[in-house]
Amino acid sequence: MEIHIGWTNCPIHPVSSAKSACYEEAAPGQVRLRILKQPLNDSFRDSIFGFAVAPEFASVYFDAAARLTRISNEEFDLATMMGCLIAHEVGHLLLGENRHSASGIMKAKWELRQVQQAMMGSLGFLPEEKTPLHASVRERESKAEAVRRKP
């Protein structure tokens, strides 16, 4: 399994003449993730750390992740927290938009226990989520490969 990562800094207010990967349609099999400072409107609760729109687009809120690192009297690592929240949202793209679990990285509402597990490196996908995750990744790889082979 091969994963390619690319980073594009997209301005909030695009220049109309700008041609950039920010505004192109996603390629088959591609996943797009954006990191936003905060929700674009105030209708989201403080417990929302991001969202996913299947099959290819996810967002994570930086300020919400920072708030989550201060869930108790101790400070937790923001980079680790962002990585776990990104994995959660990409998990929605691979497993399904409304697919939450009772525990693990796909739990809908994270509490101190999930944050502690994240910091210990033990917050992950549940065993029953791994087969559908791998199947979804293989399907995306096949779509991308089919496009690459077209003349």
Protein backbone atom coordinates (compact mmCIF):
# COMPACT_ATOMS: atom_id res chain seq x y z
CA MET A 1 0.00 0.00 0.00
CA GLU A 2 1.45 3.32 -1.05
CA ILE A 3 0.35 6.72 0.22
CA HIS A 4 1.45 10.01 -1.33
CA ILE A 5 1.06 13.23 0.63
CA GLY A 6 1.09 16.71 -0.82
CA TRP A 7 0.70 20.02 0.99
CA THR A 8 -0.93 23.08 -0.56
CA ASN A 9 -1.38 26.33 1.31
CA CYS A 10 -4.77 27.65 0.19
CA PRO A 11 -5.71 31.27 0.87
CA ILE A 12 -9.01 31.92 2.63
CA HIS A 13 -9.97 34.51 0.02
CA PRO A 14 -8.78 33.16 -3.34
CA VAL A 15 -7.55 35.40 -6.12
CA SER A 16 -9.99 34.89 -8.99
CA SER A 17 -7.23 34.34 -11.55
CA ALA A 18 -5.34 31.85 -9.37
CA LYS A 19 -4.99 28.35 -10.78
CA SER A 20 -4.14 26.10 -7.91
CA ALA A 21 -4.66 22.57 -6.62
CA CYS A 22 -6.87 24.21 -3.99
CA TYR A 23 -9.62 24.68 -6.53
CA GLU A 24 -9.24 21.60 -8.70
CA GLU A 25 -11.55 18.63 -8.43
CA ALA A 26 -10.04 15.75 -6.47
CA ALA A 27 -8.56 12.94 -8.52
CA PRO A 28 -10.08 9.45 -8.25
CA GLY A 29 -8.97 7.79 -5.02
CA GLN A 30 -7.68 11.05 -3.57
CA VAL A 31 -8.46 12.28 -0.06
CA ARG A 32 -8.37 15.98 0.69
CA LEU A 33 -7.96 17.38 4.17
CA ARG A 34 -7.97 20.97 5.25
CA ILE A 35 -6.96 22.41 8.59
CA LEU A 36 -9.07 25.40 9.56
CA LYS A 37 -8.50 27.70 12.50
CA GLN A 38 -12.13 27.33 13.60
CA PRO A 39 -15.55 26.50 12.16
CA LEU A 40 -16.66 28.85 9.41
CA ASN A 41 -19.86 29.59 11.34
CA ASP A 42 -20.93 29.51 14.98
CA SER A 43 -23.54 26.79 14.64
CA PHE A 44 -21.12 23.99 15.59
CA ARG A 45 -20.83 22.95 19.23
CA ASP A 46 -17.48 23.14 21.01
CA SER A 47 -17.32 19.33 20.94
CA ILE A 48 -17.00 19.27 17.15
CA PHE A 49 -13.35 18.98 16.10
CA GLY A 50 -13.87 18.56 12.37
CA PHE A 51 -16.09 16.99 9.74
CA ALA A 52 -15.93 14.79 6.68
CA VAL A 53 -17.86 14.83 3.42
CA ALA A 54 -17.54 11.47 1.70
CA PRO A 55 -15.90 10.32 -0.37
CA GLU A 56 -12.93 12.68 -0.40
CA PHE A 57 -13.06 15.80 1.77
CA ALA A 58 -12.31 16.27 5.47
CA SER A 59 -11.67 19.25 7.74
CA VAL A 60 -10.15 19.56 11.22
CA TYR A 61 -10.37 22.66 13.42
CA PHE A 62 -7.04 23.74 14.91
CA ASP A 63 -8.52 25.82 17.76
CA ALA A 64 -10.78 22.95 18.82
CA ALA A 65 -7.80 20.57 18.85
CA ALA A 66 -5.86 23.05 20.99
CA ARG A 67 -8.81 23.25 23.38
CA LEU A 68 -8.89 19.46 23.59
CA THR A 69 -5.22 19.41 24.66
CA ARG A 70 -6.25 21.38 27.74
CA ILE A 71 -9.06 19.01 28.78
CA SER A 72 -7.58 18.54 32.25
CA ASN A 73 -5.03 20.32 34.43
CA GLU A 74 -2.18 19.00 32.31
CA GLU A 75 -1.24 20.14 28.80
CA PHE A 76 -1.19 17.52 26.06
CA ASP A 77 0.81 17.55 22.81
CA LEU A 78 -1.04 19.46 20.08
CA ALA A 79 0.73 17.73 17.16
CA THR A 80 -0.30 14.30 18.47
CA MET A 81 -3.85 15.52 18.99
CA MET A 82 -4.04 16.95 15.47
CA GLY A 83 -2.78 13.66 14.05
CA CYS A 84 -5.45 11.69 15.91
CA LEU A 85 -8.22 14.08 14.87
CA ILE A 86 -7.05 13.90 11.26
CA ALA A 87 -7.07 10.09 11.48
CA HIS A 88 -10.64 10.24 12.85
CA GLU A 89 -11.91 12.42 9.99
CA VAL A 90 -10.08 10.42 7.30
CA GLY A 91 -11.57 7.36 8.99
CA HIS A 92 -15.00 8.78 8.14
CA LEU A 93 -13.98 9.03 4.50
CA LEU A 94 -12.87 5.41 4.50
CA LEU A 95 -15.53 3.88 6.76
CA GLY A 96 -18.53 6.15 6.19
CA GLU A 97 -19.61 9.61 7.29
CA ASN A 98 -21.71 8.61 10.29
CA ARG A 99 -19.60 5.68 11.40
CA HIS A 100 -18.75 6.12 15.07
CA SER A 101 -17.78 3.50 17.63
CA ALA A 102 -18.22 3.14 21.37
CA SER A 103 -14.47 3.46 21.90
CA GLY A 104 -11.24 4.01 19.98
CA ILE A 105 -10.33 6.73 17.52
CA MET A 106 -13.78 6.67 15.90
CA LYS A 107 -15.62 7.51 19.14
CA ALA A 108 -17.98 10.41 18.46
CA LYS A 109 -17.23 12.49 21.56
CA TRP A 110 -13.71 12.43 22.95
CA GLU A 111 -13.13 12.76 26.65
CA LEU A 112 -10.09 12.68 28.90
CA ARG A 113 -9.67 8.92 28.35
CA GLN A 114 -9.33 9.29 24.56
CA VAL A 115 -6.87 12.17 24.97
CA GLN A 116 -4.76 10.09 27.38
CA GLN A 117 -4.82 7.13 24.99
CA ALA A 118 -3.76 9.44 22.14
CA MET A 119 -0.78 10.68 24.15
CA MET A 120 0.26 7.10 24.95
CA GLY A 121 -0.03 6.10 21.28
CA SER A 122 -2.82 3.63 22.02
CA LEU A 123 -5.82 5.45 20.52
CA GLY A 124 -6.49 3.60 17.30
CA PHE A 125 -9.05 1.93 15.11
CA LEU A 126 -10.86 -1.06 16.54
CA PRO A 127 -10.04 -4.54 15.18
CA GLU A 128 -13.43 -4.74 13.43
CA GLU A 129 -12.71 -1.45 11.62
CA LYS A 130 -9.43 -2.59 10.08
CA THR A 131 -10.86 -4.88 7.37
CA PRO A 132 -13.26 -2.23 5.97
CA LEU A 133 -10.49 0.41 6.21
CA HIS A 134 -8.08 -1.72 4.18
CA ALA A 135 -10.79 -2.57 1.64
CA SER A 136 -11.60 1.12 1.16
CA VAL A 137 -7.92 2.01 0.70
CA ARG A 138 -7.49 -0.80 -1.87
CA GLU A 139 -10.58 0.41 -3.75
CA ARG A 140 -9.18 3.96 -3.84
CA GLU A 141 -5.81 2.66 -5.03
CA SER A 142 -7.52 0.74 -7.85
CA LYS A 143 -9.40 3.84 -8.99
CA ALA A 144 -6.23 5.92 -8.96
CA GLU A 145 -4.28 3.23 -10.83
CA ALA A 146 -7.01 2.96 -13.50
CA VAL A 147 -6.74 6.70 -14.14
CA ARG A 148 -2.93 6.55 -14.33
CA ARG A 149 -3.12 3.75 -16.94
CA LYS A 150 -5.47 5.67 -19.26
CA PRO A 151 -3.69 7.05 -22.34
